[in-house]
């Protein structure tokens, strides 16, 4: 997975994280992946995708409208 900077800060949104999807032989963003695979758009695609610290400190920012199924991805580095 690769992070494409949208701003100067460390902001991980579904548009800024990309990965290679071998099934489609293309590099896609997390946003595009869920649209292609599940057929729906994320409600708040520019919100933070990953919270490292204090994820539950602000309950207004974490609700069911912006959560989606967790995917398991095997990443190998050669």
N, C-alpha and C. Protein backbone atom coordinates (compact mmCIF):
# COMPACT_ATOMS: atom_id res chain seq x y z
N UNK A 1 0.84 -1.16 0.00
CA UNK A 1 0.00 0.00 0.00
C UNK A 1 0.89 1.22 0.00
N UNK A 2 0.47 2.24 -0.70
CA UNK A 2 1.27 3.45 -0.82
C UNK A 2 0.42 4.64 -0.42
N UNK A 3 1.04 5.58 0.23
CA UNK A 3 0.35 6.79 0.67
C UNK A 3 0.67 7.93 -0.29
N UNK A 4 -0.36 8.58 -0.82
CA UNK A 4 -0.20 9.72 -1.72
C UNK A 4 -0.60 10.96 -0.93
N UNK A 5 0.34 11.85 -0.68
CA UNK A 5 0.09 13.00 0.19
C UNK A 5 -0.90 13.97 -0.42
N UNK A 6 -1.94 14.31 0.34
CA UNK A 6 -2.90 15.32 -0.08
C UNK A 6 -2.58 16.66 0.56
N UNK A 7 -1.93 16.61 1.71
CA UNK A 7 -1.62 17.81 2.48
C UNK A 7 -0.26 17.63 3.12
N UNK A 8 0.15 18.64 3.88
CA UNK A 8 1.43 18.56 4.57
C UNK A 8 1.38 17.65 5.79
N UNK A 9 0.20 17.47 6.38
CA UNK A 9 0.11 16.63 7.57
C UNK A 9 -0.08 15.16 7.19
N UNK A 10 -0.02 14.29 8.16
CA UNK A 10 -0.20 12.86 7.91
C UNK A 10 -1.68 12.54 7.89
N UNK A 11 -2.29 12.66 6.75
CA UNK A 11 -3.72 12.50 6.60
C UNK A 11 -3.98 11.29 5.71
N UNK A 12 -4.48 10.23 6.28
CA UNK A 12 -4.73 9.00 5.53
C UNK A 12 -6.22 8.89 5.23
N UNK A 13 -6.62 9.26 4.03
CA UNK A 13 -8.02 9.11 3.64
C UNK A 13 -8.13 7.97 2.63
N UNK A 14 -9.35 7.61 2.27
CA UNK A 14 -9.53 6.52 1.31
C UNK A 14 -9.08 6.91 -0.09
N UNK A 15 -8.91 8.20 -0.35
CA UNK A 15 -8.38 8.65 -1.64
C UNK A 15 -6.86 8.67 -1.65
N UNK A 16 -6.23 8.82 -0.49
CA UNK A 16 -4.78 8.99 -0.45
C UNK A 16 -4.01 7.69 -0.25
N UNK A 17 -4.67 6.59 0.02
CA UNK A 17 -4.00 5.29 0.16
C UNK A 17 -4.29 4.45 -1.08
N UNK A 18 -3.24 4.07 -1.78
CA UNK A 18 -3.39 3.28 -3.00
C UNK A 18 -2.65 1.96 -2.86
N UNK A 19 -3.09 0.98 -3.62
CA UNK A 19 -2.42 -0.32 -3.64
C UNK A 19 -2.62 -0.96 -5.01
N UNK A 20 -1.76 -1.90 -5.33
CA UNK A 20 -1.88 -2.63 -6.59
C UNK A 20 -2.87 -3.76 -6.40
N UNK A 21 -3.88 -3.82 -7.27
CA UNK A 21 -4.91 -4.85 -7.22
C UNK A 21 -4.67 -5.81 -8.38
N UNK A 22 -4.01 -6.95 -8.13
CA UNK A 22 -3.63 -7.85 -9.22
C UNK A 22 -4.81 -8.37 -10.03
N UNK A 23 -5.94 -8.55 -9.38
CA UNK A 23 -7.13 -9.06 -10.07
C UNK A 23 -7.54 -8.15 -11.23
N UNK A 24 -7.29 -6.86 -11.10
CA UNK A 24 -7.63 -5.90 -12.15
C UNK A 24 -6.39 -5.30 -12.82
N UNK A 25 -5.21 -5.77 -12.41
CA UNK A 25 -3.96 -5.30 -12.98
C UNK A 25 -3.88 -3.78 -12.98
N UNK A 26 -4.21 -3.19 -11.83
CA UNK A 26 -4.23 -1.73 -11.74
C UNK A 26 -3.93 -1.28 -10.32
N UNK A 27 -3.45 -0.06 -10.21
CA UNK A 27 -3.28 0.58 -8.91
C UNK A 27 -4.54 1.36 -8.62
N UNK A 28 -5.16 1.10 -7.48
CA UNK A 28 -6.42 1.76 -7.13
C UNK A 28 -6.33 2.32 -5.72
N UNK A 29 -7.16 3.31 -5.46
CA UNK A 29 -7.26 3.84 -4.10
C UNK A 29 -8.23 2.96 -3.32
N UNK A 30 -8.19 3.09 -2.01
CA UNK A 30 -9.13 2.34 -1.17
C UNK A 30 -10.56 2.72 -1.54
N UNK A 31 -10.79 3.99 -1.84
CA UNK A 31 -12.11 4.47 -2.25
C UNK A 31 -12.57 3.75 -3.53
N UNK A 32 -11.69 3.70 -4.53
CA UNK A 32 -12.03 3.04 -5.79
C UNK A 32 -12.27 1.55 -5.59
N UNK A 33 -11.46 0.92 -4.74
CA UNK A 33 -11.60 -0.51 -4.47
C UNK A 33 -12.99 -0.84 -3.96
N UNK A 34 -13.46 -0.10 -2.95
CA UNK A 34 -14.77 -0.41 -2.40
C UNK A 34 -15.90 -0.09 -3.38
N UNK A 35 -15.70 0.93 -4.23
CA UNK A 35 -16.71 1.23 -5.23
C UNK A 35 -16.78 0.12 -6.28
N UNK A 36 -15.62 -0.35 -6.73
CA UNK A 36 -15.59 -1.41 -7.74
C UNK A 36 -16.06 -2.74 -7.17
N UNK A 37 -15.53 -3.12 -6.00
CA UNK A 37 -15.82 -4.45 -5.45
C UNK A 37 -17.23 -4.56 -4.86
N UNK A 38 -17.67 -3.53 -4.13
CA UNK A 38 -18.96 -3.61 -3.43
C UNK A 38 -20.04 -2.73 -4.05
N UNK A 39 -19.67 -1.85 -4.97
CA UNK A 39 -20.66 -1.03 -5.66
C UNK A 39 -21.24 0.11 -4.86
N UNK A 40 -20.51 0.60 -3.86
CA UNK A 40 -21.01 1.76 -3.13
C UNK A 40 -19.88 2.73 -2.85
N UNK A 41 -20.28 3.99 -2.69
CA UNK A 41 -19.32 5.03 -2.37
C UNK A 41 -19.28 5.23 -0.87
N UNK A 42 -18.09 5.47 -0.34
CA UNK A 42 -17.97 5.76 1.09
C UNK A 42 -18.63 7.11 1.37
N UNK A 43 -19.33 7.20 2.48
CA UNK A 43 -20.07 8.42 2.81
C UNK A 43 -19.18 9.63 3.01
N UNK A 44 -18.04 9.43 3.64
CA UNK A 44 -17.13 10.55 3.91
C UNK A 44 -15.72 10.15 3.45
N UNK A 45 -15.48 10.13 2.15
CA UNK A 45 -14.21 9.61 1.63
C UNK A 45 -12.98 10.44 1.97
N UNK A 46 -13.16 11.69 2.37
CA UNK A 46 -12.00 12.53 2.69
C UNK A 46 -11.69 12.56 4.17
N UNK A 47 -12.49 11.86 4.98
CA UNK A 47 -12.19 11.75 6.41
C UNK A 47 -11.00 10.80 6.59
N UNK A 48 -10.44 10.83 7.77
CA UNK A 48 -9.31 9.94 8.05
C UNK A 48 -9.73 8.48 7.93
N UNK A 49 -8.90 7.71 7.27
CA UNK A 49 -9.15 6.28 7.09
C UNK A 49 -8.55 5.48 8.23
N UNK A 50 -7.42 5.96 8.75
CA UNK A 50 -6.70 5.26 9.81
C UNK A 50 -6.50 6.19 10.99
N UNK A 51 -6.84 5.72 12.17
CA UNK A 51 -6.58 6.45 13.40
C UNK A 51 -5.58 5.64 14.21
N UNK A 52 -4.47 6.22 14.57
CA UNK A 52 -3.46 5.51 15.33
C UNK A 52 -3.60 5.73 16.83
N UNK A 53 -3.85 6.94 17.25
CA UNK A 53 -3.94 7.27 18.67
C UNK A 53 -5.29 7.90 18.97
N UNK A 54 -5.89 7.54 20.07
CA UNK A 54 -7.12 8.18 20.51
C UNK A 54 -8.29 7.98 19.58
N UNK A 55 -8.38 6.82 18.96
CA UNK A 55 -9.44 6.58 17.98
C UNK A 55 -10.83 6.71 18.58
N UNK A 56 -10.97 6.41 19.85
CA UNK A 56 -12.30 6.49 20.47
C UNK A 56 -12.48 7.75 21.31
N UNK A 57 -11.51 8.68 21.24
CA UNK A 57 -11.63 9.91 22.03
C UNK A 57 -12.75 10.80 21.53
N UNK A 58 -13.00 10.80 20.23
CA UNK A 58 -14.02 11.66 19.66
C UNK A 58 -15.08 10.79 18.99
N UNK A 59 -16.15 10.51 19.69
CA UNK A 59 -17.18 9.62 19.16
C UNK A 59 -17.92 10.21 17.98
N UNK A 60 -17.92 11.54 17.84
CA UNK A 60 -18.59 12.17 16.71
C UNK A 60 -17.91 11.84 15.39
N UNK A 61 -16.61 11.56 15.43
CA UNK A 61 -15.87 11.28 14.20
C UNK A 61 -15.93 9.80 13.81
N UNK A 62 -16.34 8.94 14.72
CA UNK A 62 -16.39 7.51 14.45
C UNK A 62 -17.82 7.02 14.58
N UNK A 63 -18.44 6.74 13.44
CA UNK A 63 -19.80 6.21 13.47
C UNK A 63 -20.00 5.21 12.33
N UNK A 64 -21.10 4.53 12.34
CA UNK A 64 -21.34 3.45 11.38
C UNK A 64 -21.40 3.93 9.94
N UNK A 65 -21.69 5.21 9.69
CA UNK A 65 -21.82 5.69 8.32
C UNK A 65 -20.49 5.74 7.58
N UNK A 66 -19.38 5.69 8.29
CA UNK A 66 -18.09 5.75 7.62
C UNK A 66 -17.26 4.48 7.84
N UNK A 67 -17.85 3.45 8.40
CA UNK A 67 -17.14 2.20 8.58
C UNK A 67 -17.52 1.24 7.47
N UNK A 68 -16.61 0.40 7.07
CA UNK A 68 -16.87 -0.55 6.00
C UNK A 68 -16.18 -1.86 6.34
N UNK A 69 -16.48 -2.95 5.62
CA UNK A 69 -15.90 -4.25 5.96
C UNK A 69 -14.38 -4.21 5.94
N UNK A 70 -13.79 -4.87 6.91
CA UNK A 70 -12.33 -4.96 6.96
C UNK A 70 -11.88 -5.96 5.90
N UNK A 71 -10.83 -5.62 5.22
CA UNK A 71 -10.28 -6.49 4.19
C UNK A 71 -8.91 -6.97 4.66
N UNK A 72 -8.58 -8.19 4.30
CA UNK A 72 -7.28 -8.75 4.64
C UNK A 72 -6.42 -8.74 3.39
N UNK A 73 -5.28 -8.09 3.48
CA UNK A 73 -4.38 -8.00 2.35
C UNK A 73 -3.01 -8.52 2.75
N UNK A 74 -2.47 -9.41 1.97
CA UNK A 74 -1.11 -9.90 2.23
C UNK A 74 -0.14 -9.01 1.46
N UNK A 75 0.79 -8.46 2.17
CA UNK A 75 1.78 -7.58 1.56
C UNK A 75 3.13 -8.27 1.66
N UNK A 76 3.79 -8.40 0.53
CA UNK A 76 5.13 -8.99 0.55
C UNK A 76 6.12 -7.99 -0.01
N UNK A 77 7.29 -7.97 0.59
CA UNK A 77 8.35 -7.09 0.13
C UNK A 77 9.50 -7.96 -0.33
N UNK A 78 9.83 -7.84 -1.58
CA UNK A 78 10.92 -8.65 -2.14
C UNK A 78 12.24 -7.92 -2.03
